[in-house]
């Protein structure tokens, strides 16, 4: 995945959790995300984004 592929409204997973992209700062390669469950905002560096095409929450269970 390239940095330019990230856009507002996209669902992403990261080492800090998963959420919806709310803002992208190209100068610092920082992505601001909103948590899906409680709307808390957090920031991650582009390198922390998980390239898995499926976003999983911590609450998800696997069968």
N, C-alpha and C. Protein backbone atom coordinates (compact mmCIF):
# COMPACT_ATOMS: atom_id res chain seq x y z
N UNK A 1 0.84 -1.17 0.00
CA UNK A 1 0.00 0.00 0.00
C UNK A 1 0.89 1.24 0.00
N UNK A 2 0.53 2.20 -0.81
CA UNK A 2 1.25 3.46 -0.88
C UNK A 2 0.55 4.51 -0.02
N UNK A 3 1.29 5.52 0.41
CA UNK A 3 0.71 6.58 1.23
C UNK A 3 -0.45 7.27 0.51
N UNK A 4 -0.31 7.44 -0.80
CA UNK A 4 -1.36 8.11 -1.58
C UNK A 4 -2.65 7.30 -1.67
N UNK A 5 -2.61 6.02 -1.32
CA UNK A 5 -3.81 5.18 -1.34
C UNK A 5 -4.72 5.46 -0.15
N UNK A 6 -4.18 6.08 0.91
CA UNK A 6 -4.96 6.37 2.11
C UNK A 6 -5.85 7.58 1.84
N UNK A 7 -7.13 7.48 2.19
CA UNK A 7 -8.05 8.60 1.99
C UNK A 7 -9.04 8.69 3.15
N UNK A 8 -9.64 9.85 3.31
CA UNK A 8 -10.61 10.09 4.39
C UNK A 8 -11.81 9.18 4.20
N UNK A 9 -12.26 8.57 5.27
CA UNK A 9 -13.39 7.65 5.24
C UNK A 9 -12.99 6.20 5.09
N UNK A 10 -11.74 5.95 4.81
CA UNK A 10 -11.24 4.59 4.63
C UNK A 10 -11.11 3.91 5.99
N UNK A 11 -11.46 2.63 6.06
CA UNK A 11 -11.26 1.84 7.26
C UNK A 11 -9.86 1.26 7.22
N UNK A 12 -9.11 1.44 8.30
CA UNK A 12 -7.73 0.95 8.37
C UNK A 12 -7.48 0.28 9.70
N UNK A 13 -6.55 -0.63 9.68
CA UNK A 13 -6.07 -1.25 10.91
C UNK A 13 -4.65 -0.79 11.17
N UNK A 14 -4.30 -0.67 12.44
CA UNK A 14 -2.95 -0.28 12.81
C UNK A 14 -2.56 -1.00 14.09
N UNK A 15 -1.33 -0.80 14.50
CA UNK A 15 -0.85 -1.41 15.73
C UNK A 15 -1.56 -0.81 16.95
N UNK A 16 -2.12 0.39 16.81
CA UNK A 16 -2.83 1.05 17.91
C UNK A 16 -4.33 0.73 17.91
N UNK A 17 -4.81 0.07 16.88
CA UNK A 17 -6.23 -0.26 16.77
C UNK A 17 -6.75 0.04 15.38
N UNK A 18 -8.01 -0.24 15.17
CA UNK A 18 -8.60 0.01 13.86
C UNK A 18 -9.61 1.14 13.96
N UNK A 19 -9.90 1.75 12.82
CA UNK A 19 -10.84 2.85 12.80
C UNK A 19 -10.99 3.44 11.41
N UNK A 20 -11.62 4.60 11.37
CA UNK A 20 -11.88 5.30 10.12
C UNK A 20 -10.95 6.50 10.01
N UNK A 21 -10.36 6.67 8.84
CA UNK A 21 -9.44 7.78 8.61
C UNK A 21 -10.24 9.08 8.60
N UNK A 22 -9.82 10.05 9.44
CA UNK A 22 -10.50 11.35 9.49
C UNK A 22 -9.65 12.46 8.89
N UNK A 23 -8.33 12.29 8.86
CA UNK A 23 -7.45 13.31 8.30
C UNK A 23 -6.12 12.66 7.94
N UNK A 24 -5.50 13.16 6.88
CA UNK A 24 -4.20 12.66 6.44
C UNK A 24 -3.26 13.84 6.31
N UNK A 25 -2.12 13.78 7.00
CA UNK A 25 -1.12 14.84 6.93
C UNK A 25 0.05 14.35 6.08
N UNK A 26 0.12 14.82 4.85
CA UNK A 26 1.15 14.37 3.92
C UNK A 26 2.55 14.81 4.29
N UNK A 27 2.69 15.95 4.97
CA UNK A 27 4.03 16.44 5.29
C UNK A 27 4.72 15.59 6.36
N UNK A 28 3.96 15.04 7.30
CA UNK A 28 4.55 14.21 8.35
C UNK A 28 4.21 12.74 8.18
N UNK A 29 3.42 12.40 7.14
CA UNK A 29 2.96 11.03 6.88
C UNK A 29 2.23 10.46 8.10
N UNK A 30 1.41 11.32 8.73
CA UNK A 30 0.61 10.94 9.88
C UNK A 30 -0.84 10.78 9.45
N UNK A 31 -1.46 9.75 9.98
CA UNK A 31 -2.86 9.47 9.66
C UNK A 31 -3.64 9.57 10.96
N UNK A 32 -4.68 10.38 10.94
CA UNK A 32 -5.54 10.55 12.11
C UNK A 32 -6.78 9.69 11.91
N UNK A 33 -7.10 8.90 12.92
CA UNK A 33 -8.20 7.95 12.80
C UNK A 33 -9.16 8.10 13.96
N UNK A 34 -10.40 7.70 13.72
CA UNK A 34 -11.44 7.69 14.74
C UNK A 34 -11.80 6.25 15.04
N UNK A 35 -11.78 5.89 16.31
CA UNK A 35 -12.11 4.54 16.73
C UNK A 35 -13.55 4.23 16.37
N UNK A 36 -13.81 3.04 15.87
CA UNK A 36 -15.15 2.67 15.42
C UNK A 36 -16.15 2.49 16.56
N UNK A 37 -15.68 2.08 17.73
CA UNK A 37 -16.61 1.76 18.80
C UNK A 37 -16.98 2.96 19.67
N UNK A 38 -16.00 3.82 20.01
CA UNK A 38 -16.32 4.91 20.92
C UNK A 38 -15.93 6.28 20.40
N UNK A 39 -15.58 6.38 19.13
CA UNK A 39 -15.28 7.65 18.46
C UNK A 39 -14.09 8.40 19.03
N UNK A 40 -13.22 7.73 19.77
CA UNK A 40 -11.99 8.36 20.23
C UNK A 40 -11.03 8.51 19.07
N UNK A 41 -10.35 9.65 18.99
CA UNK A 41 -9.41 9.89 17.91
C UNK A 41 -7.99 9.53 18.35
N UNK A 42 -7.22 9.03 17.40
CA UNK A 42 -5.82 8.73 17.65
C UNK A 42 -5.05 8.89 16.36
N UNK A 43 -3.75 9.04 16.48
CA UNK A 43 -2.91 9.24 15.30
C UNK A 43 -1.91 8.11 15.18
N UNK A 44 -1.59 7.77 13.95
CA UNK A 44 -0.60 6.73 13.67
C UNK A 44 0.28 7.19 12.52
N UNK A 45 1.50 6.73 12.51
CA UNK A 45 2.38 6.96 11.36
C UNK A 45 2.02 5.97 10.26
N UNK A 46 2.31 6.34 9.04
CA UNK A 46 1.99 5.48 7.90
C UNK A 46 2.61 4.10 8.05
N UNK A 47 3.79 4.03 8.63
CA UNK A 47 4.48 2.75 8.79
C UNK A 47 3.76 1.82 9.76
N UNK A 48 2.86 2.36 10.60
CA UNK A 48 2.13 1.56 11.57
C UNK A 48 0.84 0.96 11.00
N UNK A 49 0.48 1.36 9.79
CA UNK A 49 -0.73 0.83 9.16
C UNK A 49 -0.49 -0.62 8.77
N UNK A 50 -1.44 -1.47 9.09
CA UNK A 50 -1.36 -2.89 8.74
C UNK A 50 -1.91 -3.07 7.33
N UNK A 51 -1.18 -3.76 6.49
CA UNK A 51 -1.57 -3.88 5.09
C UNK A 51 -2.62 -4.94 4.83
N UNK A 52 -3.15 -5.54 5.88
CA UNK A 52 -4.22 -6.52 5.74
C UNK A 52 -5.45 -5.83 5.16
N UNK A 53 -5.99 -6.31 4.05
CA UNK A 53 -7.14 -5.64 3.44
C UNK A 53 -8.40 -5.69 4.29
N UNK A 54 -8.46 -6.59 5.27
CA UNK A 54 -9.62 -6.66 6.15
C UNK A 54 -9.26 -6.01 7.47
N UNK A 55 -10.17 -5.19 7.97
CA UNK A 55 -9.94 -4.53 9.25
C UNK A 55 -10.62 -5.35 10.33
N UNK A 56 -9.87 -5.67 11.38
CA UNK A 56 -10.41 -6.47 12.47
C UNK A 56 -10.36 -5.66 13.76
N UNK A 57 -11.41 -5.71 14.52
CA UNK A 57 -11.42 -5.09 15.84
C UNK A 57 -10.94 -6.10 16.86
N UNK A 58 -10.54 -5.63 18.00
CA UNK A 58 -10.08 -6.53 19.05
C UNK A 58 -11.19 -7.45 19.52
N UNK A 59 -12.45 -7.01 19.38
CA UNK A 59 -13.59 -7.79 19.83
C UNK A 59 -13.94 -8.93 18.88
N UNK A 60 -13.39 -8.91 17.66
CA UNK A 60 -13.71 -9.93 16.68
C UNK A 60 -13.23 -11.30 17.16
N UNK A 61 -13.98 -12.31 16.82
CA UNK A 61 -13.57 -13.67 17.14
C UNK A 61 -13.40 -14.44 15.83
N UNK A 62 -12.53 -15.40 15.86
CA UNK A 62 -12.26 -16.19 14.68
C UNK A 62 -12.70 -17.62 14.93
N UNK A 63 -13.32 -18.20 13.95
CA UNK A 63 -13.80 -19.58 14.08
C UNK A 63 -12.94 -20.50 13.25
